[in-house]
Structures are given as structure tokens and as C-alpha cells.
Amino acid sequence: MKNRKRALVLAGTAAALAATLIAAAPAPAAPAAAPKLASVHGGGTIFYPYSAKDDIRFTVDAESTPWTRPFPAPGGEKGLPTDARGRVTISHYFTETGSTATAEAEVDCLVTGGRTATLTAVVKTSNVGWEGKRIGISVQDGQRGEPDRLGFSWGVANVDVKPDGTVAEGAVGTCMAPAPFTEVTKGGYKVTPAPLTPQPKP
């Protein structure tokens, strides 16, 4: 009987010790949250004072995909923190002629700062000969009753003045666009801001 009691006591002590160790063990670490990524989504009609009677519309669907577009130049092997994907669609109806200019472009760069986003895209299809051209777009997400705003690289002076005085159209680099200088009169855009992601470890 004594041996049986002793065995029961030892078994109970071992179980209590195991329970204490389990309770004292640190909980497994929660998986790290995925970094927040920037994006711009929406569509709208703008008022452009130099074509006040025309119907000009932009649709933007862009999402950040950091470090996914490597290029061969030194330092570009991993891509850029502003790499992005998506599509920009443009439609400009000319009231005087009844014709419509259109273009669809593939997003290659996106960066945000607060309610404002700047992105670039390379034209893939167009009925005005823009294929291969990089365009710059800026979007401001209006808040507290303010209208959304949009800017586009060919809507303001983007010229390169040569030393001899001749003028040529300036090139648009990745993520380069003017301030959002026009007002959105119909529709709107949602800008989700995010900080630049750290460079990947080797």
C-alpha cells in the first residue's frame, strides 16, 4: 500500500511540475505582419481649363510591388522600393471634332505621401501614337469635403530647352509627375499611403 501511495504522489508531483513548466514557457511569437503597401484605385472626370468643353477621364488601378523590377544598372539588381503594377486608362473626348483619344498604360512606379500619390505608366495601346511612351500621373485624395485632384505630365509645360534654344519634350522618369493641378468633377480616387519598404537583405 505504501509503495502504491508513493507512486501516486510521485505521479501527481510530476504532472504538477509539467503543468508549471508549460505555463511558464513563453508563448510562440506571432508571425510578423506583412508590410502595408501603397495603392491608388478609382476613376473620375476632370476639369482641364485648356479643354474646358471636353470630357477627360482617368481610371487608375495601381498597387505597390517593392523590389520586383530589377534592372542591369549598378544598384538596380533588386529593383526599387517604388516598383508597382497596375493599369491607367485615359479617355479624352474632343467636343469640337467629336473624336475620342484613348490610351491604356501599364504602371511601373508608385510612391505616396499622405493623401497624395505619384505614379508612372508605360503606354501599351493608344489611338494617338503613344505606344511606348511613359506618362506621369499624380492623385490627391480629397478629404473633409475637398474635391479629389489629378495631374498629368503632358498637361503642363514639360520641355527640355537645349543650349541652342531649341525645345524638345522632356522625358518622364519613373514616379515623376507634376502636382495634381486639376479638379475631379465626377467620380474619385482612393489613395492608400504607405512608407517605403526596406531594402531586401542579401
N, C-alpha and C. Protein backbone atom coordinates (compact mmCIF):
# COMPACT_ATOMS: atom_id res chain seq x y z
N MET A 1 0.83 -1.21 0.00
CA MET A 1 0.00 0.00 0.00
C MET A 1 0.86 1.26 0.00
N LYS A 2 1.95 1.22 0.85
CA LYS A 2 2.83 2.39 0.92
C LYS A 2 3.47 2.66 -0.44
N ASN A 3 3.89 1.62 -1.12
CA ASN A 3 4.51 1.79 -2.44
C ASN A 3 3.53 2.39 -3.44
N ARG A 4 2.27 1.96 -3.30
CA ARG A 4 1.25 2.48 -4.22
C ARG A 4 1.00 3.96 -3.97
N LYS A 5 0.93 4.34 -2.67
CA LYS A 5 0.73 5.74 -2.33
C LYS A 5 1.91 6.59 -2.82
N ARG A 6 3.12 6.04 -2.59
CA ARG A 6 4.32 6.78 -3.02
C ARG A 6 4.30 6.99 -4.54
N ALA A 7 3.87 5.99 -5.30
CA ALA A 7 3.82 6.11 -6.76
C ALA A 7 2.81 7.16 -7.18
N LEU A 8 1.66 7.18 -6.48
CA LEU A 8 0.64 8.17 -6.79
C LEU A 8 1.13 9.58 -6.50
N VAL A 9 1.84 9.75 -5.38
CA VAL A 9 2.38 11.07 -5.02
C VAL A 9 3.40 11.53 -6.05
N LEU A 10 4.30 10.64 -6.45
CA LEU A 10 5.31 10.99 -7.46
C LEU A 10 4.67 11.34 -8.79
N ALA A 11 3.64 10.58 -9.17
CA ALA A 11 2.95 10.86 -10.43
C ALA A 11 2.28 12.22 -10.39
N GLY A 12 1.64 12.53 -9.26
CA GLY A 12 0.98 13.83 -9.12
C GLY A 12 1.98 14.97 -9.14
N THR A 13 3.13 14.77 -8.48
CA THR A 13 4.17 15.80 -8.45
C THR A 13 4.71 16.05 -9.86
N ALA A 14 4.95 15.00 -10.63
CA ALA A 14 5.45 15.13 -12.00
C ALA A 14 4.46 15.87 -12.87
N ALA A 15 3.17 15.56 -12.72
CA ALA A 15 2.14 16.23 -13.52
C ALA A 15 2.08 17.72 -13.19
N ALA A 16 2.17 18.03 -11.87
CA ALA A 16 2.14 19.43 -11.46
C ALA A 16 3.35 20.19 -12.00
N LEU A 17 4.54 19.52 -11.94
CA LEU A 17 5.75 20.16 -12.46
C LEU A 17 5.65 20.41 -13.96
N ALA A 18 5.10 19.44 -14.69
CA ALA A 18 4.95 19.61 -16.14
C ALA A 18 4.00 20.76 -16.45
N ALA A 19 2.90 20.84 -15.70
CA ALA A 19 1.94 21.93 -15.92
C ALA A 19 2.58 23.27 -15.64
N THR A 20 3.41 23.35 -14.59
CA THR A 20 4.09 24.61 -14.25
C THR A 20 5.05 25.03 -15.35
N LEU A 21 5.80 24.06 -15.89
CA LEU A 21 6.76 24.36 -16.95
C LEU A 21 6.05 24.83 -18.22
N ILE A 22 4.93 24.19 -18.54
CA ILE A 22 4.17 24.58 -19.74
C ILE A 22 3.62 25.98 -19.58
N ALA A 23 3.09 26.27 -18.37
CA ALA A 23 2.53 27.60 -18.13
C ALA A 23 3.60 28.67 -18.17
N ALA A 24 4.82 28.32 -17.71
CA ALA A 24 5.89 29.31 -17.64
C ALA A 24 6.59 29.51 -18.98
N ALA A 25 6.43 28.58 -19.90
CA ALA A 25 7.11 28.69 -21.19
C ALA A 25 6.56 29.86 -21.97
N PRO A 26 7.42 30.60 -22.65
CA PRO A 26 6.94 31.75 -23.44
C PRO A 26 6.06 31.30 -24.59
N ALA A 27 5.02 32.08 -24.85
CA ALA A 27 4.12 31.76 -25.95
C ALA A 27 4.86 31.91 -27.27
N PRO A 28 4.53 31.10 -28.25
CA PRO A 28 5.20 31.23 -29.55
C PRO A 28 4.97 32.61 -30.14
N ALA A 29 6.00 33.15 -30.74
CA ALA A 29 5.91 34.50 -31.31
C ALA A 29 4.90 34.54 -32.44
N ALA A 30 4.11 35.62 -32.45
CA ALA A 30 3.13 35.79 -33.53
C ALA A 30 3.86 36.08 -34.83
N PRO A 31 3.36 35.58 -35.95
CA PRO A 31 4.02 35.86 -37.23
C PRO A 31 4.05 37.36 -37.51
N ALA A 32 5.14 37.81 -38.08
CA ALA A 32 5.28 39.24 -38.38
C ALA A 32 4.22 39.68 -39.38
N ALA A 33 3.61 40.82 -39.11
CA ALA A 33 2.59 41.33 -40.01
C ALA A 33 3.21 41.74 -41.34
N ALA A 34 2.51 41.48 -42.41
CA ALA A 34 3.01 41.88 -43.72
C ALA A 34 3.06 43.40 -43.80
N PRO A 35 4.09 43.95 -44.42
CA PRO A 35 4.19 45.41 -44.51
C PRO A 35 3.04 46.00 -45.31
N LYS A 36 2.57 47.16 -44.89
CA LYS A 36 1.50 47.84 -45.59
C LYS A 36 2.02 48.34 -46.93
N LEU A 37 1.23 48.17 -47.97
CA LEU A 37 1.64 48.56 -49.31
C LEU A 37 0.75 49.68 -49.83
N ALA A 38 1.33 50.56 -50.61
CA ALA A 38 0.59 51.70 -51.15
C ALA A 38 -0.26 51.28 -52.34
N SER A 39 -1.35 52.03 -52.56
CA SER A 39 -2.19 51.75 -53.71
C SER A 39 -3.03 52.97 -54.06
N VAL A 40 -3.50 53.00 -55.30
CA VAL A 40 -4.42 54.03 -55.78
C VAL A 40 -5.47 53.33 -56.63
N HIS A 41 -6.75 53.58 -56.33
CA HIS A 41 -7.82 52.97 -57.10
C HIS A 41 -8.94 53.99 -57.32
N GLY A 42 -9.51 53.96 -58.51
CA GLY A 42 -10.66 54.81 -58.78
C GLY A 42 -10.68 55.34 -60.19
N GLY A 43 -11.68 56.13 -60.46
CA GLY A 43 -11.81 56.74 -61.77
C GLY A 43 -12.61 58.03 -61.67
N GLY A 44 -12.31 58.95 -62.55
CA GLY A 44 -13.02 60.21 -62.48
C GLY A 44 -12.88 61.07 -63.73
N THR A 45 -13.76 62.05 -63.81
CA THR A 45 -13.72 63.06 -64.87
C THR A 45 -13.11 64.32 -64.30
N ILE A 46 -12.21 64.95 -65.05
CA ILE A 46 -11.53 66.14 -64.55
C ILE A 46 -11.95 67.38 -65.33
N PHE A 47 -11.73 68.55 -64.71
CA PHE A 47 -11.89 69.81 -65.42
C PHE A 47 -10.51 70.35 -65.76
N TYR A 48 -10.23 70.44 -67.07
CA TYR A 48 -8.94 70.94 -67.55
C TYR A 48 -9.22 72.27 -68.26
N PRO A 49 -8.75 73.38 -67.73
CA PRO A 49 -9.15 74.70 -68.24
C PRO A 49 -8.82 74.95 -69.70
N TYR A 50 -7.82 74.26 -70.25
CA TYR A 50 -7.43 74.49 -71.65
C TYR A 50 -8.26 73.64 -72.62
N SER A 51 -9.09 72.75 -72.06
CA SER A 51 -10.05 71.97 -72.85
C SER A 51 -11.34 71.90 -72.04
N ALA A 52 -11.84 73.07 -71.69
CA ALA A 52 -12.94 73.17 -70.73
C ALA A 52 -14.21 72.49 -71.20
N LYS A 53 -14.42 72.37 -72.51
CA LYS A 53 -15.65 71.78 -73.03
C LYS A 53 -15.52 70.28 -73.27
N ASP A 54 -14.32 69.75 -73.13
CA ASP A 54 -14.08 68.34 -73.42
C ASP A 54 -14.38 67.45 -72.21
N ASP A 55 -14.57 66.18 -72.48
CA ASP A 55 -14.78 65.17 -71.44
C ASP A 55 -13.49 64.37 -71.30
N ILE A 56 -12.78 64.54 -70.19
CA ILE A 56 -11.50 63.88 -69.98
C ILE A 56 -11.59 62.99 -68.74
N ARG A 57 -11.31 61.72 -68.92
CA ARG A 57 -11.47 60.75 -67.84
C ARG A 57 -10.20 59.93 -67.63
N PHE A 58 -9.92 59.65 -66.37
CA PHE A 58 -8.79 58.82 -65.98
C PHE A 58 -9.27 57.71 -65.05
N THR A 59 -8.88 56.47 -65.34
CA THR A 59 -9.08 55.36 -64.42
C THR A 59 -7.71 54.87 -63.98
N VAL A 60 -7.53 54.73 -62.66
CA VAL A 60 -6.24 54.33 -62.12
C VAL A 60 -6.43 53.15 -61.17
N ASP A 61 -5.70 52.08 -61.42
CA ASP A 61 -5.63 50.93 -60.51
C ASP A 61 -4.16 50.57 -60.38
N ALA A 62 -3.55 50.98 -59.28
CA ALA A 62 -2.12 50.78 -59.09
C ALA A 62 -1.83 50.26 -57.70
N GLU A 63 -0.91 49.31 -57.60
CA GLU A 63 -0.52 48.73 -56.33
C GLU A 63 1.00 48.62 -56.26
N SER A 64 1.53 48.93 -55.10
CA SER A 64 2.97 48.84 -54.90
C SER A 64 3.43 47.39 -54.86
N THR A 65 4.54 47.11 -55.53
CA THR A 65 5.17 45.78 -55.51
C THR A 65 6.68 45.99 -55.34
N PRO A 66 7.12 46.40 -54.16
CA PRO A 66 8.52 46.81 -53.96
C PRO A 66 9.54 45.74 -54.35
N TRP A 67 10.63 46.20 -54.95
CA TRP A 67 11.79 45.37 -55.26
C TRP A 67 11.43 44.20 -56.18
N THR A 68 10.61 44.45 -57.19
CA THR A 68 10.22 43.37 -58.10
C THR A 68 10.61 43.64 -59.55
N ARG A 69 11.22 44.79 -59.84
CA ARG A 69 11.58 45.11 -61.22
C ARG A 69 13.10 45.39 -61.32
N PRO A 70 13.92 44.36 -61.21
CA PRO A 70 15.37 44.58 -61.29
C PRO A 70 15.78 45.10 -62.66
N PHE A 71 16.83 45.88 -62.68
CA PHE A 71 17.39 46.35 -63.95
C PHE A 71 18.91 46.27 -63.87
N PRO A 72 19.59 46.19 -65.01
CA PRO A 72 21.02 45.84 -65.02
C PRO A 72 21.97 46.92 -64.50
N ALA A 73 21.55 48.16 -64.41
CA ALA A 73 22.47 49.21 -63.96
C ALA A 73 22.91 48.94 -62.53
N PRO A 74 24.14 49.37 -62.16
CA PRO A 74 24.63 49.16 -60.78
C PRO A 74 23.64 49.72 -59.76
N GLY A 75 23.33 48.89 -58.76
CA GLY A 75 22.39 49.30 -57.73
C GLY A 75 20.95 48.93 -58.06
N GLY A 76 20.69 48.47 -59.27
CA GLY A 76 19.33 48.15 -59.66
C GLY A 76 19.02 46.67 -59.69
N GLU A 77 19.96 45.87 -59.21
CA GLU A 77 19.79 44.42 -59.30
C GLU A 77 18.56 43.93 -58.55
N LYS A 78 18.14 44.65 -57.51
CA LYS A 78 16.98 44.22 -56.72
C LYS A 78 15.73 45.02 -57.06
N GLY A 79 15.83 45.94 -57.98
CA GLY A 79 14.70 46.79 -58.29
C GLY A 79 14.68 48.03 -57.41
N LEU A 80 13.49 48.59 -57.21
CA LEU A 80 13.34 49.82 -56.44
C LEU A 80 12.20 49.68 -55.43
N PRO A 81 12.24 50.44 -54.33
CA PRO A 81 11.14 50.37 -53.37
C PRO A 81 9.83 50.91 -53.92
N THR A 82 9.90 51.62 -55.05
CA THR A 82 8.70 52.21 -55.66
C THR A 82 8.14 51.37 -56.80
N ASP A 83 8.69 50.19 -57.03
CA ASP A 83 8.17 49.32 -58.09
C ASP A 83 6.67 49.07 -57.86
N ALA A 84 5.92 49.01 -58.96
CA ALA A 84 4.47 48.85 -58.84
C ALA A 84 3.91 48.15 -60.07
N ARG A 85 2.64 47.81 -59.98
CA ARG A 85 1.94 47.20 -61.10
C ARG A 85 0.53 47.80 -61.16
N GLY A 86 -0.14 47.58 -62.29
CA GLY A 86 -1.49 48.08 -62.44
C GLY A 86 -1.72 48.68 -63.81
N ARG A 87 -2.78 49.46 -63.91
CA ARG A 87 -3.18 49.99 -65.22
C ARG A 87 -3.76 51.39 -65.08
N VAL A 88 -3.47 52.21 -66.08
CA VAL A 88 -4.07 53.54 -66.21
C VAL A 88 -4.79 53.59 -67.55
N THR A 89 -6.03 54.03 -67.54
CA THR A 89 -6.81 54.19 -68.77
C THR A 89 -7.22 55.64 -68.92
N ILE A 90 -7.01 56.19 -70.12
CA ILE A 90 -7.29 57.60 -70.38
C ILE A 90 -8.24 57.72 -71.56
N SER A 91 -9.21 58.61 -71.41
CA SER A 91 -10.16 58.89 -72.49
C SER A 91 -10.37 60.40 -72.57
N HIS A 92 -10.15 60.97 -73.77
CA HIS A 92 -10.33 62.42 -73.97
C HIS A 92 -11.24 62.62 -75.17
N TYR A 93 -12.48 63.02 -74.87
CA TYR A 93 -13.45 63.29 -75.92
C TYR A 93 -13.37 64.77 -76.30
N PHE A 94 -13.09 65.05 -77.60
CA PHE A 94 -12.97 66.41 -78.10
C PHE A 94 -14.34 66.88 -78.63
N THR A 95 -14.92 67.84 -77.94
CA THR A 95 -16.25 68.31 -78.29
C THR A 95 -16.30 68.89 -79.70
N GLU A 96 -15.28 69.64 -80.10
CA GLU A 96 -15.29 70.32 -81.40
C GLU A 96 -15.28 69.34 -82.56
N THR A 97 -14.55 68.25 -82.44
CA THR A 97 -14.42 67.30 -83.56
C THR A 97 -15.28 66.04 -83.38
N GLY A 98 -15.72 65.78 -82.17
CA GLY A 98 -16.48 64.57 -81.91
C GLY A 98 -15.62 63.32 -81.85
N SER A 99 -14.31 63.48 -81.81
CA SER A 99 -13.40 62.33 -81.76
C SER A 99 -12.96 62.08 -80.32
N THR A 100 -12.46 60.86 -80.08
CA THR A 100 -12.01 60.49 -78.74
C THR A 100 -10.61 59.89 -78.82
N ALA A 101 -9.70 60.43 -78.04
CA ALA A 101 -8.35 59.88 -77.92
C ALA A 101 -8.32 58.95 -76.71
N THR A 102 -7.72 57.79 -76.88
CA THR A 102 -7.66 56.82 -75.79
C THR A 102 -6.25 56.25 -75.65
N ALA A 103 -5.96 55.79 -74.44
CA ALA A 103 -4.69 55.13 -74.18
C ALA A 103 -4.82 54.26 -72.95
N GLU A 104 -4.13 53.12 -72.98
CA GLU A 104 -4.04 52.24 -71.82
C GLU A 104 -2.55 52.03 -71.53
N ALA A 105 -2.19 52.17 -70.25
CA ALA A 105 -0.77 52.10 -69.89
C ALA A 105 -0.56 51.19 -68.69
N GLU A 106 0.62 50.56 -68.64
CA GLU A 106 0.98 49.64 -67.57
C GLU A 106 1.82 50.37 -66.52
N VAL A 107 1.36 50.34 -65.29
CA VAL A 107 2.02 51.04 -64.18
C VAL A 107 3.38 50.40 -63.90
N ASP A 108 4.40 51.24 -63.69
CA ASP A 108 5.73 50.72 -63.34
C ASP A 108 6.30 51.34 -62.07
N CYS A 109 5.64 52.37 -61.52
CA CYS A 109 6.21 53.03 -60.34
C CYS A 109 5.09 53.72 -59.57
N LEU A 110 5.17 53.68 -58.23
CA LEU A 110 4.17 54.32 -57.37
C LEU A 110 4.82 54.73 -56.06
N VAL A 111 4.56 55.96 -55.65
CA VAL A 111 5.04 56.44 -54.35
C VAL A 111 3.96 57.34 -53.76
N THR A 112 3.80 57.28 -52.44
CA THR A 112 2.76 58.07 -51.78
C THR A 112 3.35 58.94 -50.69
N GLY A 113 2.61 59.99 -50.37
CA GLY A 113 2.95 60.86 -49.25
C GLY A 113 1.65 61.44 -48.72
N GLY A 114 1.16 60.88 -47.61
CA GLY A 114 -0.13 61.33 -47.10
C GLY A 114 -1.25 60.99 -48.07
N ARG A 115 -2.03 62.01 -48.43
CA ARG A 115 -3.18 61.79 -49.31
C ARG A 115 -2.81 61.86 -50.79
N THR A 116 -1.54 62.05 -51.09
CA THR A 116 -1.11 62.24 -52.48
C THR A 116 -0.27 61.06 -52.97
N ALA A 117 -0.50 60.68 -54.21
CA ALA A 117 0.28 59.61 -54.84
C ALA A 117 0.80 60.10 -56.18
N THR A 118 1.99 59.64 -56.52
CA THR A 118 2.58 59.89 -57.83
C THR A 118 2.92 58.55 -58.45
N LEU A 119 2.56 58.39 -59.70
CA LEU A 119 2.84 57.12 -60.37
C LEU A 119 3.17 57.37 -61.83
N THR A 120 3.83 56.40 -62.43
CA THR A 120 4.10 56.44 -63.87
C THR A 120 3.66 55.14 -64.49
N ALA A 121 3.41 55.22 -65.80
CA ALA A 121 2.96 54.04 -66.54
C ALA A 121 3.42 54.17 -67.99
N VAL A 122 3.68 53.04 -68.61
CA VAL A 122 4.14 53.00 -70.00
C VAL A 122 2.95 52.59 -70.89
N VAL A 123 2.67 53.40 -71.90
CA VAL A 123 1.51 53.18 -72.76
C VAL A 123 1.71 51.91 -73.59
N LYS A 124 0.69 51.05 -73.56
CA LYS A 124 0.72 49.80 -74.32
C LYS A 124 -0.14 49.89 -75.57
N THR A 125 -1.31 50.50 -75.45
CA THR A 125 -2.19 50.67 -76.61
C THR A 125 -2.72 52.09 -76.63
N SER A 126 -2.88 52.64 -77.84
CA SER A 126 -3.34 54.02 -77.98
C SER A 126 -3.78 54.25 -79.41
N ASN A 127 -4.71 55.19 -79.60
CA ASN A 127 -5.10 55.55 -80.97
C ASN A 127 -4.52 56.90 -81.39
N VAL A 128 -3.53 57.37 -80.60
CA VAL A 128 -2.88 58.64 -80.94
C VAL A 128 -1.36 58.49 -81.04
N GLY A 129 -0.88 57.24 -81.17
CA GLY A 129 0.55 57.01 -81.39
C GLY A 129 1.42 57.14 -80.16
N TRP A 130 0.88 56.86 -78.99
CA TRP A 130 1.66 56.99 -77.75
C TRP A 130 2.32 55.69 -77.31
N GLU A 131 2.22 54.63 -78.06
CA GLU A 131 2.78 53.36 -77.61
C GLU A 131 4.26 53.51 -77.23
N GLY A 132 4.60 52.96 -76.06
CA GLY A 132 5.97 53.03 -75.58
C GLY A 132 6.30 54.28 -74.78
N LYS A 133 5.40 55.23 -74.72
CA LYS A 133 5.65 56.48 -74.01
C LYS A 133 5.34 56.32 -72.53
N ARG A 134 6.23 56.82 -71.65
CA ARG A 134 5.96 56.81 -70.23
C ARG A 134 5.23 58.10 -69.86
N ILE A 135 4.14 57.97 -69.10
CA ILE A 135 3.36 59.12 -68.66
C ILE A 135 3.37 59.18 -67.15
N GLY A 136 3.24 60.38 -66.61
CA GLY A 136 3.23 60.58 -65.17
C GLY A 136 1.87 61.08 -64.71
N ILE A 137 1.36 60.51 -63.62
CA ILE A 137 0.06 60.86 -63.06
C ILE A 137 0.22 61.13 -61.57
N SER A 138 -0.43 62.18 -61.08
CA SER A 138 -0.48 62.42 -59.64
C SER A 138 -1.94 62.47 -59.22
N VAL A 139 -2.22 61.96 -58.02
CA VAL A 139 -3.59 61.91 -57.49
C VAL A 139 -3.59 62.40 -56.06
N GLN A 140 -4.57 63.24 -55.74
CA GLN A 140 -4.76 63.68 -54.36
C GLN A 140 -6.16 63.27 -53.91
N ASP A 141 -6.21 62.50 -52.84
CA ASP A 141 -7.47 62.01 -52.28
C ASP A 141 -8.04 63.11 -51.38
N GLY A 142 -9.08 63.79 -51.86
CA GLY A 142 -9.67 64.88 -51.10
C GLY A 142 -10.36 64.40 -49.84
N GLN A 143 -10.25 65.18 -48.78
CA GLN A 143 -10.88 64.84 -47.52
C GLN A 143 -11.56 66.07 -46.94
N ARG A 144 -12.44 65.83 -45.96
CA ARG A 144 -13.16 66.92 -45.29
C ARG A 144 -13.88 67.82 -46.30
N GLY A 145 -14.52 67.18 -47.28
CA GLY A 145 -15.30 67.93 -48.25
C GLY A 145 -14.51 68.48 -49.42
N GLU A 146 -13.18 68.32 -49.42
CA GLU A 146 -12.38 68.81 -50.53
C GLU A 146 -12.51 67.86 -51.73
N PRO A 147 -12.45 68.40 -52.94
CA PRO A 147 -12.52 67.52 -54.12
C PRO A 147 -11.21 66.76 -54.31
N ASP A 148 -11.29 65.61 -54.95
CA ASP A 148 -10.07 64.92 -55.37
C ASP A 148 -9.43 65.75 -56.49
N ARG A 149 -8.13 65.53 -56.67
CA ARG A 149 -7.41 66.27 -57.70
C ARG A 149 -6.51 65.31 -58.46
N LEU A 150 -6.14 65.70 -59.69
CA LEU A 150 -5.29 64.86 -60.53
C LEU A 150 -4.41 65.73 -61.41
N GLY A 151 -3.18 65.27 -61.62
CA GLY A 151 -2.26 65.95 -62.54
C GLY A 151 -1.71 64.95 -63.54
N PHE A 152 -1.31 65.44 -64.72
CA PHE A 152 -0.76 64.54 -65.73
C PHE A 152 0.37 65.25 -66.47
N SER A 153 1.39 64.48 -66.82
CA SER A 153 2.66 65.03 -67.27
C SER A 153 2.58 65.85 -68.55
N TRP A 154 1.64 65.56 -69.44
CA TRP A 154 1.55 66.29 -70.70
C TRP A 154 0.59 67.48 -70.61
N GLY A 155 0.03 67.72 -69.44
CA GLY A 155 -0.95 68.80 -69.30
C GLY A 155 -0.35 70.14 -68.93
N VAL A 156 0.92 70.14 -68.51
CA VAL A 156 1.63 71.38 -68.19
C VAL A 156 2.96 71.35 -68.92
N ALA A 157 3.69 72.45 -68.87
CA ALA A 157 4.95 72.54 -69.61
C ALA A 157 5.94 71.49 -69.13
N ASN A 158 6.27 70.57 -70.01
CA ASN A 158 7.30 69.57 -69.73
C ASN A 158 8.27 69.63 -70.90
N VAL A 159 9.12 70.66 -70.88
CA VAL A 159 10.00 70.89 -72.01
C VAL A 159 11.46 70.86 -71.59
N ASP A 160 12.30 70.48 -72.52
CA ASP A 160 13.74 70.45 -72.32
C ASP A 160 14.35 71.48 -73.28
N VAL A 161 14.81 72.60 -72.74
CA VAL A 161 15.39 73.67 -73.57
C VAL A 161 16.86 73.36 -73.80
N LYS A 162 17.24 73.21 -75.06
CA LYS A 162 18.62 72.88 -75.43
C LYS A 162 19.50 74.13 -75.37
N PRO A 163 20.83 73.95 -75.30
CA PRO A 163 21.74 75.10 -75.27
C PRO A 163 21.58 76.04 -76.45
N ASP A 164 21.14 75.51 -77.61
CA ASP A 164 20.98 76.37 -78.78
C ASP A 164 19.61 77.05 -78.82
N GLY A 165 18.80 76.83 -77.76
CA GLY A 165 17.50 77.48 -77.70
C GLY A 165 16.35 76.66 -78.23
N THR A 166 16.65 75.53 -78.87
CA THR A 166 15.56 74.67 -79.36
C THR A 166 14.89 73.97 -78.18
N VAL A 167 13.65 73.59 -78.40
CA VAL A 167 12.85 72.99 -77.34
C VAL A 167 12.38 71.61 -77.75
N ALA A 168 12.49 70.66 -76.83
CA ALA A 168 12.01 69.30 -77.06
C ALA A 168 11.18 68.86 -75.86
N GLU A 169 10.32 67.89 -76.07
CA GLU A 169 9.53 67.37 -74.96
C GLU A 169 10.44 66.65 -73.97
N GLY A 170 10.27 66.96 -72.69
CA GLY A 170 11.09 66.34 -71.67
C GLY A 170 10.68 64.90 -71.42
N ALA A 171 11.66 64.06 -71.08
CA ALA A 171 11.36 62.66 -70.77
C ALA A 171 10.74 62.56 -69.38
N VAL A 172 9.91 61.57 -69.19
CA VAL A 172 9.28 61.31 -67.89
C VAL A 172 9.98 60.12 -67.25
N GLY A 173 10.67 60.36 -66.14
CA GLY A 173 11.32 59.27 -65.42
C GLY A 173 10.34 58.56 -64.50
N THR A 174 10.75 57.43 -63.95
CA THR A 174 9.86 56.68 -63.08
C THR A 174 9.42 57.51 -61.88
N CYS A 175 8.12 57.45 -61.61
CA CYS A 175 7.46 58.14 -60.50
C CYS A 175 7.50 59.66 -60.60
N MET A 176 7.85 60.20 -61.78
CA MET A 176 7.89 61.65 -61.95
C MET A 176 6.58 62.15 -62.55
N ALA A 177 5.93 63.11 -61.87
CA ALA A 177 4.67 63.68 -62.34
C ALA A 177 4.50 65.06 -61.72
N PRO A 178 3.74 65.94 -62.35
CA PRO A 178 3.50 67.27 -61.77
C PRO A 178 2.53 67.18 -60.60
N ALA A 179 2.37 68.28 -59.89
CA ALA A 179 1.38 68.33 -58.81
C ALA A 179 -0.02 68.09 -59.37
N PRO A 180 -0.95 67.61 -58.56
CA PRO A 180 -2.32 67.37 -59.03
C PRO A 180 -3.06 68.69 -59.26
N PHE A 181 -2.92 69.26 -60.46
CA PHE A 181 -3.36 70.62 -60.74
C PHE A 181 -4.80 70.74 -61.23
N THR A 182 -5.47 69.61 -61.53
CA THR A 182 -6.86 69.70 -61.98
C THR A 182 -7.80 69.18 -60.91
N GLU A 183 -9.07 69.56 -61.01
CA GLU A 183 -10.07 69.12 -60.04
C GLU A 183 -10.93 68.02 -60.64
N VAL A 184 -11.21 67.01 -59.83
CA VAL A 184 -12.08 65.91 -60.26
C VAL A 184 -13.53 66.36 -60.06
N THR A 185 -14.30 66.37 -61.13
CA THR A 185 -15.68 66.84 -61.06
C THR A 185 -16.70 65.72 -60.94
N LYS A 186 -16.29 64.50 -61.25
CA LYS A 186 -17.19 63.36 -61.15
C LYS A 186 -16.35 62.13 -60.86
N GLY A 187 -16.82 61.29 -59.90
CA GLY A 187 -16.04 60.11 -59.53
C GLY A 187 -15.04 60.46 -58.46
N GLY A 188 -13.99 59.67 -58.34
CA GLY A 188 -12.98 59.96 -57.34
C GLY A 188 -11.97 58.82 -57.20
N TYR A 189 -10.99 59.04 -56.32
CA TYR A 189 -9.87 58.11 -56.16
C TYR A 189 -9.61 57.86 -54.67
N LYS A 190 -9.18 56.66 -54.36
CA LYS A 190 -8.79 56.29 -53.01
C LYS A 190 -7.29 56.04 -52.98
N VAL A 191 -6.57 56.86 -52.21
CA VAL A 191 -5.12 56.69 -52.05
C VAL A 191 -4.86 56.01 -50.71
N THR A 192 -4.19 54.88 -50.74
CA THR A 192 -3.75 54.20 -49.52
C THR A 192 -2.25 54.43 -49.38
N PRO A 193 -1.84 55.30 -48.44
CA PRO A 193 -0.41 55.61 -48.32
C PRO A 193 0.34 54.53 -47.56
N ALA A 194 1.62 54.45 -47.81
CA ALA A 194 2.49 53.52 -47.08
C ALA A 194 3.92 54.01 -47.19
N PRO A 195 4.74 53.77 -46.15
CA PRO A 195 6.15 54.15 -46.23
C PRO A 195 6.91 53.25 -47.20
N LEU A 196 8.05 53.72 -47.64
CA LEU A 196 8.89 52.89 -48.49
C LEU A 196 9.39 51.68 -47.71
N THR A 197 9.40 50.52 -48.34
CA THR A 197 9.83 49.30 -47.67
C THR A 197 11.35 49.21 -47.64
N PRO A 198 11.91 48.61 -46.59
CA PRO A 198 13.37 48.47 -46.51
C PRO A 198 13.92 47.62 -47.65
N GLN A 199 15.18 47.82 -47.93
CA GLN A 199 15.83 47.04 -48.98
C GLN A 199 15.97 45.59 -48.52
N PRO A 200 15.70 44.63 -49.41
CA PRO A 200 15.83 43.23 -49.03
C PRO A 200 17.25 42.89 -48.58
N LYS A 201 17.35 41.98 -47.63
CA LYS A 201 18.66 41.54 -47.17
C LYS A 201 19.31 40.66 -48.22
N PRO A 202 20.63 40.68 -48.29
CA PRO A 202 21.33 39.85 -49.30
C PRO A 202 21.01 38.37 -49.11
